[in-house]
C-alpha atoms as a PDB file:
ATOM      1  CA  MET A   1     -13.954 -14.791  31.028  1.00  0.00           C
ATOM      2  CA  ILE A   2     -14.507 -12.629  27.956  1.00  0.00           C
ATOM      3  CA  GLY A   3     -11.998  -9.786  27.674  1.00  0.00           C
ATOM      4  CA  ARG A   4     -12.279  -6.275  26.298  1.00  0.00           C
ATOM      5  CA  VAL A   5     -11.208  -7.062  22.712  1.00  0.00           C
ATOM      6  CA  GLU A   6     -13.408 -10.136  22.405  1.00  0.00           C
ATOM      7  CA  LYS A   7     -16.363  -8.174  23.746  1.00  0.00           C
ATOM      8  CA  TYR A   8     -15.637  -5.443  21.191  1.00  0.00           C
ATOM      9  CA  LEU A   9     -15.611  -7.977  18.336  1.00  0.00           C
ATOM     10  CA  LEU A  10     -18.848  -9.606  19.481  1.00  0.00           C
ATOM     11  CA  GLU A  11     -20.568  -6.236  19.797  1.00  0.00           C
ATOM     12  CA  LYS A  12     -19.392  -5.194  16.328  1.00  0.00           C
ATOM     13  CA  ILE A  13     -20.705  -8.444  14.841  1.00  0.00           C
ATOM     14  CA  GLU A  14     -23.988  -7.979  16.675  1.00  0.00           C
ATOM     15  CA  SER A  15     -24.451  -4.434  15.423  1.00  0.00           C
ATOM     16  CA  GLU A  16     -23.079  -4.798  11.881  1.00  0.00           C
ATOM     17  CA  GLY A  17     -23.775  -8.425  10.991  1.00  0.00           C
ATOM     18  CA  SER A  18     -20.276  -9.097   9.624  1.00  0.00           C
ATOM     19  CA  ILE A  19     -17.007  -7.232  10.038  1.00  0.00           C
ATOM     20  CA  HIS A  20     -13.639  -6.938   8.336  1.00  0.00           C
ATOM     21  CA  ILE A  21     -10.196  -7.397   9.853  1.00  0.00           C
ATOM     22  CA  THR A  22      -6.970  -6.438   8.103  1.00  0.00           C
ATOM     23  CA  LEU A  23      -4.069  -8.883   8.353  1.00  0.00           C
ATOM     24  CA  ILE A  24      -0.548  -7.453   8.241  1.00  0.00           C
ATOM     25  CA  ASP A  25       2.362  -9.848   7.743  1.00  0.00           C
ATOM     26  CA  PRO A  26       5.327  -8.416   9.698  1.00  0.00           C
ATOM     27  CA  GLU A  27       7.762 -10.225   7.408  1.00  0.00           C
ATOM     28  CA  LYS A  28       6.607  -8.196   4.418  1.00  0.00           C
ATOM     29  CA  VAL A  29       6.576  -4.682   5.868  1.00  0.00           C
ATOM     30  CA  THR A  30       8.706  -2.174   7.699  1.00  0.00           C
ATOM     31  CA  PRO A  31       7.211  -0.495  10.785  1.00  0.00           C
ATOM     32  CA  PRO A  32       6.409   2.720   8.819  1.00  0.00           C
ATOM     33  CA  GLN A  33       4.731   0.666   6.093  1.00  0.00           C
ATOM     34  CA  ALA A  34       2.679  -1.212   8.690  1.00  0.00           C
ATOM     35  CA  SER A  35       1.630   2.091  10.191  1.00  0.00           C
ATOM     36  CA  ARG A  36       0.467   3.429   6.821  1.00  0.00           C
ATOM     37  CA  ILE A  37      -1.466   0.249   6.002  1.00  0.00           C
ATOM     38  CA  ALA A  38      -3.209   0.292   9.390  1.00  0.00           C
ATOM     39  CA  THR A  39      -4.120   3.954   9.028  1.00  0.00           C
ATOM     40  CA  LYS A  40      -5.648   3.511   5.572  1.00  0.00           C
ATOM     41  CA  ALA A  41      -7.452   0.311   6.540  1.00  0.00           C
ATOM     42  CA  ASN A  42      -8.878   1.992   9.630  1.00  0.00           C
ATOM     43  CA  LEU A  43     -10.183   4.892   7.546  1.00  0.00           C
ATOM     44  CA  SER A  44     -11.775   2.397   5.162  1.00  0.00           C
ATOM     45  CA  GLY A  45     -13.825   0.675   7.854  1.00  0.00           C
ATOM     46  CA  THR A  46     -11.751  -2.274   9.060  1.00  0.00           C
ATOM     47  CA  SER A  47     -12.640  -3.241  12.632  1.00  0.00           C
ATOM     48  CA  ALA A  48      -9.266  -4.506  13.885  1.00  0.00           C
ATOM     49  CA  ILE A  49      -5.721  -5.257  12.799  1.00  0.00           C
ATOM     50  CA  MET A  50      -4.254  -8.764  12.908  1.00  0.00           C
ATOM     51  CA  VAL A  51      -0.475  -9.161  12.876  1.00  0.00           C
ATOM     52  CA  GLY A  52       1.114 -12.445  11.891  1.00  0.00           C
ATOM     53  CA  GLY A  53       2.557 -14.565   9.104  1.00  0.00           C
ATOM     54  CA  SER A  54       3.066 -18.169   8.090  1.00  0.00           C
ATOM     55  CA  THR A  55       6.841 -18.260   8.446  1.00  0.00           C
ATOM     56  CA  PHE A  56       9.221 -16.532  10.820  1.00  0.00           C
ATOM     57  CA  THR A  57      10.315 -13.017  11.733  1.00  0.00           C
ATOM     58  CA  SER A  58      12.515 -11.663  14.491  1.00  0.00           C
ATOM     59  CA  SER A  59      10.899 -10.790  17.803  1.00  0.00           C
ATOM     60  CA  THR A  60      12.480  -7.338  17.696  1.00  0.00           C
ATOM     61  CA  HIS A  61      11.014  -6.576  14.276  1.00  0.00           C
ATOM     62  CA  LEU A  62       7.595  -7.817  15.422  1.00  0.00           C
ATOM     63  CA  ASP A  63       7.808  -5.502  18.446  1.00  0.00           C
ATOM     64  CA  HIS A  64       8.589  -2.521  16.219  1.00  0.00           C
ATOM     65  CA  VAL A  65       5.787  -3.318  13.765  1.00  0.00           C
ATOM     66  CA  VAL A  66       3.139  -3.662  16.471  1.00  0.00           C
ATOM     67  CA  LYS A  67       4.295  -0.528  18.278  1.00  0.00           C
ATOM     68  CA  ALA A  68       4.131   1.437  15.023  1.00  0.00           C
ATOM     69  CA  ILE A  69       0.558   0.254  14.426  1.00  0.00           C
ATOM     70  CA  LYS A  70      -0.481   1.022  18.005  1.00  0.00           C
ATOM     71  CA  ARG A  71       0.828   4.574  17.693  1.00  0.00           C
ATOM     72  CA  THR A  72      -1.313   5.049  14.602  1.00  0.00           C
ATOM     73  CA  VAL A  73      -4.746   3.525  15.260  1.00  0.00           C
ATOM     74  CA  LYS A  74      -7.056   3.016  18.203  1.00  0.00           C
ATOM     75  CA  ILE A  75      -8.742  -0.165  16.971  1.00  0.00           C
ATOM     76  CA  PRO A  76      -7.539  -3.438  18.538  1.00  0.00           C
ATOM     77  CA  VAL A  77      -4.316  -5.094  17.417  1.00  0.00           C
ATOM     78  CA  ILE A  78      -4.623  -8.877  17.631  1.00  0.00           C
ATOM     79  CA  LEU A  79      -1.699 -11.263  17.233  1.00  0.00           C
ATOM     80  CA  PHE A  80      -2.092 -14.115  14.751  1.00  0.00           C
ATOM     81  CA  PRO A  81       0.952 -16.216  15.732  1.00  0.00           C
ATOM     82  CA  ASN A  82       2.426 -19.047  13.711  1.00  0.00           C
ATOM     83  CA  ASN A  83       4.606 -20.037  16.679  1.00  0.00           C
ATOM     84  CA  VAL A  84       5.819 -18.732  20.045  1.00  0.00           C
ATOM     85  CA  THR A  85       8.013 -16.269  18.141  1.00  0.00           C
ATOM     86  CA  GLY A  86       4.833 -14.514  17.028  1.00  0.00           C
ATOM     87  CA  ILE A  87       4.125 -13.149  20.513  1.00  0.00           C
ATOM     88  CA  THR A  88       4.844  -9.568  21.569  1.00  0.00           C
ATOM     89  CA  ARG A  89       3.863  -7.658  24.671  1.00  0.00           C
ATOM     90  CA  TYR A  90       2.756  -4.617  22.666  1.00  0.00           C
ATOM     91  CA  ALA A  91      -0.467  -6.041  21.163  1.00  0.00           C
ATOM     92  CA  ASP A  92      -3.919  -5.926  22.740  1.00  0.00           C
ATOM     93  CA  ALA A  93      -4.891  -9.564  22.320  1.00  0.00           C
ATOM     94  CA  ILE A  94      -3.853 -12.850  20.748  1.00  0.00           C
ATOM     95  CA  TRP A  95      -5.772 -15.516  18.896  1.00  0.00           C
ATOM     96  CA  PHE A  96      -4.963 -18.437  21.186  1.00  0.00           C
ATOM     97  CA  MET A  97      -5.524 -21.081  18.579  1.00  0.00           C
ATOM     98  CA  SER A  98      -5.151 -24.754  17.834  1.00  0.00           C
ATOM     99  CA  LEU A  99      -4.714 -26.004  14.248  1.00  0.00           C
ATOM    100  CA  LEU A 100      -7.467 -28.593  14.385  1.00  0.00           C
ATOM    101  CA  ASN A 101      -6.484 -30.563  11.282  1.00  0.00           C
ATOM    102  CA  SER A 102      -2.741 -30.707  11.864  1.00  0.00           C
ATOM    103  CA  VAL A 103      -1.083 -34.117  12.132  1.00  0.00           C
ATOM    104  CA  ASP A 104       1.624 -32.604  14.352  1.00  0.00           C
ATOM    105  CA  PRO A 105       0.783 -32.466  18.083  1.00  0.00           C
ATOM    106  CA  TYR A 106       2.981 -29.367  18.336  1.00  0.00           C
ATOM    107  CA  PHE A 107       0.418 -27.277  16.438  1.00  0.00           C
ATOM    108  CA  LEU A 108      -2.497 -28.866  18.260  1.00  0.00           C
ATOM    109  CA  MET A 109      -1.187 -28.180  21.778  1.00  0.00           C
ATOM    110  CA  GLY A 110       2.615 -28.019  22.019  1.00  0.00           C
ATOM    111  CA  ALA A 111       3.072 -24.432  20.854  1.00  0.00           C
ATOM    112  CA  GLN A 112       0.180 -23.378  23.065  1.00  0.00           C
ATOM    113  CA  VAL A 113       1.829 -24.889  26.156  1.00  0.00           C
ATOM    114  CA  LEU A 114       5.032 -22.997  25.381  1.00  0.00           C
ATOM    115  CA  GLY A 115       3.226 -19.769  24.600  1.00  0.00           C
ATOM    116  CA  ALA A 116       0.728 -19.669  27.475  1.00  0.00           C
ATOM    117  CA  PRO A 117       3.216 -18.390  30.099  1.00  0.00           C
ATOM    118  CA  LEU A 118       4.287 -15.600  27.725  1.00  0.00           C
ATOM    119  CA  VAL A 119       0.673 -14.595  27.124  1.00  0.00           C
ATOM    120  CA  LYS A 120       0.133 -14.355  30.873  1.00  0.00           C
ATOM    121  CA  LYS A 121       3.445 -12.541  31.475  1.00  0.00           C
ATOM    122  CA  HIS A 122       2.694  -9.935  28.804  1.00  0.00           C
ATOM    123  CA  ARG A 123      -0.932  -9.592  29.981  1.00  0.00           C
ATOM    124  CA  LEU A 124      -2.263 -10.235  26.511  1.00  0.00           C
ATOM    125  CA  GLU A 125      -5.938 -11.062  26.153  1.00  0.00           C
ATOM    126  CA  PRO A 126      -6.204 -14.668  24.884  1.00  0.00           C
ATOM    127  CA  ILE A 127      -9.114 -15.354  22.535  1.00  0.00           C
ATOM    128  CA  PRO A 128      -9.615 -19.129  22.060  1.00  0.00           C
ATOM    129  CA  MET A 129      -9.923 -20.110  18.399  1.00  0.00           C
ATOM    130  CA  GLY A 130     -10.124 -23.295  16.363  1.00  0.00           C
ATOM    131  CA  TYR A 131      -8.094 -22.939  13.164  1.00  0.00           C
ATOM    132  CA  ILE A 132      -8.945 -25.101  10.150  1.00  0.00           C
ATOM    133  CA  ILE A 133      -6.968 -25.211   6.900  1.00  0.00           C
ATOM    134  CA  VAL A 134      -9.089 -25.848   3.794  1.00  0.00           C
ATOM    135  CA  GLY A 135      -8.529 -26.106   0.056  1.00  0.00           C
ATOM    136  CA  GLU A 136      -4.966 -25.363  -1.041  1.00  0.00           C
ATOM    137  CA  GLY A 137      -3.865 -24.470   2.476  1.00  0.00           C
ATOM    138  CA  GLY A 138      -0.879 -22.435   1.296  1.00  0.00           C
ATOM    139  CA  THR A 139       2.196 -21.895   3.424  1.00  0.00           C
ATOM    140  CA  ALA A 140       0.174 -22.105   6.637  1.00  0.00           C
ATOM    141  CA  GLY A 141      -0.865 -25.633   5.742  1.00  0.00           C
ATOM    142  CA  ILE A 142       2.681 -26.720   4.958  1.00  0.00           C
ATOM    143  CA  VAL A 143       4.257 -25.148   8.041  1.00  0.00           C
ATOM    144  CA  GLY A 144       1.456 -26.398  10.299  1.00  0.00           C
ATOM    145  CA  ARG A 145       1.559 -29.900   8.792  1.00  0.00           C
ATOM    146  CA  ALA A 146      -2.168 -29.770   8.164  1.00  0.00           C
ATOM    147  CA  VAL A 147      -4.280 -32.122   6.103  1.00  0.00           C
ATOM    148  CA  PRO A 148      -6.416 -29.512   4.319  1.00  0.00           C
ATOM    149  CA  VAL A 149     -10.151 -30.125   4.144  1.00  0.00           C
ATOM    150  CA  PRO A 150     -11.116 -30.368   0.446  1.00  0.00           C
ATOM    151  CA  TYR A 151     -13.478 -27.696  -0.826  1.00  0.00           C
ATOM    152  CA  ASN A 152     -15.974 -30.405  -1.827  1.00  0.00           C
ATOM    153  CA  LYS A 153     -16.172 -31.767   1.740  1.00  0.00           C
ATOM    154  CA  PRO A 154     -17.993 -28.994   3.651  1.00  0.00           C
ATOM    155  CA  GLU A 155     -19.434 -31.478   6.150  1.00  0.00           C
ATOM    156  CA  LEU A 156     -15.892 -32.457   7.156  1.00  0.00           C
ATOM    157  CA  ALA A 157     -15.036 -28.815   7.785  1.00  0.00           C
ATOM    158  CA  ALA A 158     -18.227 -28.518   9.831  1.00  0.00           C
ATOM    159  CA  ALA A 159     -17.283 -31.549  11.930  1.00  0.00           C
ATOM    160  CA  HIS A 160     -13.882 -29.999  12.703  1.00  0.00           C
ATOM    161  CA  ALA A 161     -15.544 -26.691  13.584  1.00  0.00           C
ATOM    162  CA  LEU A 162     -18.113 -28.290  15.857  1.00  0.00           C
ATOM    163  CA  ALA A 163     -15.384 -30.266  17.634  1.00  0.00           C
ATOM    164  CA  GLY A 164     -13.569 -26.972  18.212  1.00  0.00           C
ATOM    165  CA  GLN A 165     -16.703 -25.428  19.678  1.00  0.00           C
ATOM    166  CA  TYR A 166     -17.270 -28.409  21.949  1.00  0.00           C
ATOM    167  CA  LEU A 167     -13.664 -28.162  23.134  1.00  0.00           C
ATOM    168  CA  GLY A 168     -14.422 -24.643  24.322  1.00  0.00           C
ATOM    169  CA  MET A 169     -13.061 -22.509  21.502  1.00  0.00           C
ATOM    170  CA  ARG A 170     -15.033 -19.301  21.036  1.00  0.00           C
ATOM    171  CA  PHE A 171     -14.199 -18.576  17.379  1.00  0.00           C
ATOM    172  CA  ILE A 172     -13.654 -20.798  14.340  1.00  0.00           C
ATOM    173  CA  TYR A 173     -11.373 -19.755  11.468  1.00  0.00           C
ATOM    174  CA  LEU A 174     -11.636 -21.328   7.995  1.00  0.00           C
ATOM    175  CA  GLU A 175      -8.339 -20.579   6.238  1.00  0.00           C
ATOM    176  CA  ALA A 176      -7.815 -21.104   2.504  1.00  0.00           C
ATOM    177  CA  GLY A 177      -4.208 -19.917   2.765  1.00  0.00           C
ATOM    178  CA  SER A 178      -2.530 -16.628   1.970  1.00  0.00           C
ATOM    179  CA  GLY A 179      -2.718 -15.920  -1.747  1.00  0.00           C
ATOM    180  CA  ALA A 180      -5.046 -18.867  -2.414  1.00  0.00           C
ATOM    181  CA  LYS A 181      -6.315 -19.029  -5.983  1.00  0.00           C
ATOM    182  CA  LYS A 182      -9.875 -19.222  -4.734  1.00  0.00           C
ATOM    183  CA  PRO A 183     -11.430 -18.459  -1.342  1.00  0.00           C
ATOM    184  CA  VAL A 184     -13.442 -20.707   0.927  1.00  0.00           C
ATOM    185  CA  SER A 185     -16.636 -21.518  -0.964  1.00  0.00           C
ATOM    186  CA  PRO A 186     -19.971 -20.023   0.110  1.00  0.00           C
ATOM    187  CA  GLU A 187     -21.312 -23.583   0.371  1.00  0.00           C
ATOM    188  CA  MET A 188     -18.653 -24.562   2.916  1.00  0.00           C
ATOM    189  CA  ILE A 189     -19.205 -21.357   4.881  1.00  0.00           C
ATOM    190  CA  HIS A 190     -22.962 -21.962   4.930  1.00  0.00           C
ATOM    191  CA  VAL A 191     -22.648 -25.567   6.108  1.00  0.00           C
ATOM    192  CA  VAL A 192     -20.117 -24.744   8.847  1.00  0.00           C
ATOM    193  CA  LYS A 193     -22.165 -21.796  10.075  1.00  0.00           C
ATOM    194  CA  HIS A 194     -25.239 -24.034  10.247  1.00  0.00           C
ATOM    195  CA  TYR A 195     -23.394 -26.440  12.571  1.00  0.00           C
ATOM    196  CA  ILE A 196     -21.807 -24.007  15.025  1.00  0.00           C
ATOM    197  CA  ASP A 197     -23.125 -21.400  17.448  1.00  0.00           C
ATOM    198  CA  ILE A 198     -19.957 -19.286  17.695  1.00  0.00           C
ATOM    199  CA  PRO A 199     -18.531 -16.628  15.344  1.00  0.00           C
ATOM    200  CA  LEU A 200     -17.050 -17.852  12.083  1.00  0.00           C
ATOM    201  CA  ILE A 201     -13.941 -16.223  10.612  1.00  0.00           C
ATOM    202  CA  VAL A 202     -13.053 -16.733   6.940  1.00  0.00           C
ATOM    203  CA  GLY A 203      -9.786 -15.800   5.250  1.00  0.00           C
ATOM    204  CA  GLY A 204      -7.546 -16.547   2.306  1.00  0.00           C
ATOM    205  CA  GLY A 205      -8.106 -15.717  -1.357  1.00  0.00           C
ATOM    206  CA  ILE A 206     -10.692 -12.964  -0.832  1.00  0.00           C
ATOM    207  CA  ARG A 207      -9.650 -10.142  -3.140  1.00  0.00           C
ATOM    208  CA  SER A 208     -12.829  -8.513  -4.378  1.00  0.00           C
ATOM    209  CA  ARG A 209     -16.065  -6.915  -3.278  1.00  0.00           C
ATOM    210  CA  SER A 210     -18.084  -9.753  -4.848  1.00  0.00           C
ATOM    211  CA  GLN A 211     -16.095 -12.436  -3.008  1.00  0.00           C
ATOM    212  CA  ALA A 212     -16.548 -10.599   0.292  1.00  0.00           C
ATOM    213  CA  LEU A 213     -20.271 -10.226  -0.397  1.00  0.00           C
ATOM    214  CA  ALA A 214     -20.575 -13.967  -1.106  1.00  0.00           C
ATOM    215  CA  ALA A 215     -18.737 -14.912   2.105  1.00  0.00           C
ATOM    216  CA  ALA A 216     -20.794 -12.555   4.256  1.00  0.00           C
ATOM    217  CA  SER A 217     -24.059 -13.678   2.657  1.00  0.00           C
ATOM    218  CA  ALA A 218     -23.125 -17.319   3.340  1.00  0.00           C
ATOM    219  CA  GLY A 219     -22.644 -16.635   7.051  1.00  0.00           C
ATOM    220  CA  ALA A 220     -19.094 -15.424   7.706  1.00  0.00           C
ATOM    221  CA  ASP A 221     -19.044 -13.197  10.787  1.00  0.00           C
ATOM    222  CA  ILE A 222     -15.493 -11.936  10.253  1.00  0.00           C
ATOM    223  CA  ILE A 223     -13.694 -11.699   6.919  1.00  0.00           C
ATOM    224  CA  VAL A 224      -9.913 -11.377   6.977  1.00  0.00           C
ATOM    225  CA  THR A 225      -7.870 -10.053   4.071  1.00  0.00           C
ATOM    226  CA  GLY A 226      -4.115  -9.699   3.902  1.00  0.00           C
ATOM    227  CA  ASN A 227      -2.723  -9.833   0.380  1.00  0.00           C
ATOM    228  CA  VAL A 228      -4.990  -7.036  -0.866  1.00  0.00           C
ATOM    229  CA  VAL A 229      -3.255  -4.544   1.443  1.00  0.00           C
ATOM    230  CA  GLU A 230       0.243  -5.405   0.274  1.00  0.00           C
ATOM    231  CA  ASN A 231       0.255  -2.722  -2.405  1.00  0.00           C
ATOM    232  CA  ASN A 232      -0.411   0.986  -2.761  1.00  0.00           C
ATOM    233  CA  GLU A 233      -4.197   0.634  -3.074  1.00  0.00           C
ATOM    234  CA  VAL A 234      -4.948  -0.214   0.556  1.00  0.00           C
ATOM    235  CA  LYS A 235      -7.710   2.325   1.111  1.00  0.00           C
ATOM    236  CA  GLN A 236      -9.537   1.516  -2.122  1.00  0.00           C
ATOM    237  CA  LYS A 237      -9.294  -2.273  -1.767  1.00  0.00           C
ATOM    238  CA  VAL A 238     -10.317  -2.378   1.896  1.00  0.00           C
ATOM    239  CA  SER A 239     -13.214  -0.014   1.150  1.00  0.00           C
ATOM    240  CA  GLU A 240     -14.404  -2.351  -1.609  1.00  0.00           C
ATOM    241  CA  ILE A 241     -14.170  -5.396   0.655  1.00  0.00           C
ATOM    242  CA  VAL A 242     -15.990  -3.646   3.522  1.00  0.00           C
ATOM    243  CA  GLU A 243     -18.703  -2.464   1.116  1.00  0.00           C
ATOM    244  CA  GLY A 244     -19.194  -6.042  -0.074  1.00  0.00           C
ATOM    245  CA  ILE A 245     -19.408  -7.328   3.501  1.00  0.00           C
ATOM    246  CA  ARG A 246     -22.023  -4.734   4.441  1.00  0.00           C
ATOM    247  CA  GLN A 247     -24.063  -5.414   1.345  1.00  0.00           C
ATOM    248  CA  GLY A 248     -23.969  -9.115   2.112  1.00  0.00           C
ATOM    249  CA  LYS A 249     -25.668  -8.484   5.454  1.00  0.00           C
ATOM    250  CA  MET A 250     -28.310  -6.053   4.230  1.00  0.00           C
END
């Protein structure tokens, strides 16, 4: 069954072509800082806030960060957990994801088994997602013990994505890694989007309007940026990214 947040995302994609989501790493911000970032991103046209990181933070701090964001904005707050410690009752939804190219069964299904009862207990909306690490992979690739799909093998990324769709996942996420030197290539985005019939999320290494435009033009339905909001130019940078996304779908 599709929940309220997933329906919201699908309707936004339908009406706007592609949308932007701001990723906030709770390890790198205080609750007041998270609140300010969310406020500025919201004013700049972001459609939702994702909260999560590649390493670990305390559950109490995560609670405080999400509560601070929820007090500030009305757009959905979606958890992007790296483990069961990335779950809090105060969010609206959670990307219930499997790292499809991990060699560790824990990140394919083990963490999900442990986390599922918490998701139900906290009444979070689970949104099934296939997560694929590409290129450099960054910290997420190391922690998740992934074998990153090389940038020059778009068909391999597409095969992973299609397998995720056939397994019942309703979103696919191509992740280049936080702070990646270069983002997922437009060619890889185009090939993956050609294979699948579900929304495609792209993140990692997107820092400019032109990069966002290229990703949206290639077929990305959701573009996620995190590092660009970790400074004092949140409103300007998110506005530039959103402008590029909208231009890419004109």
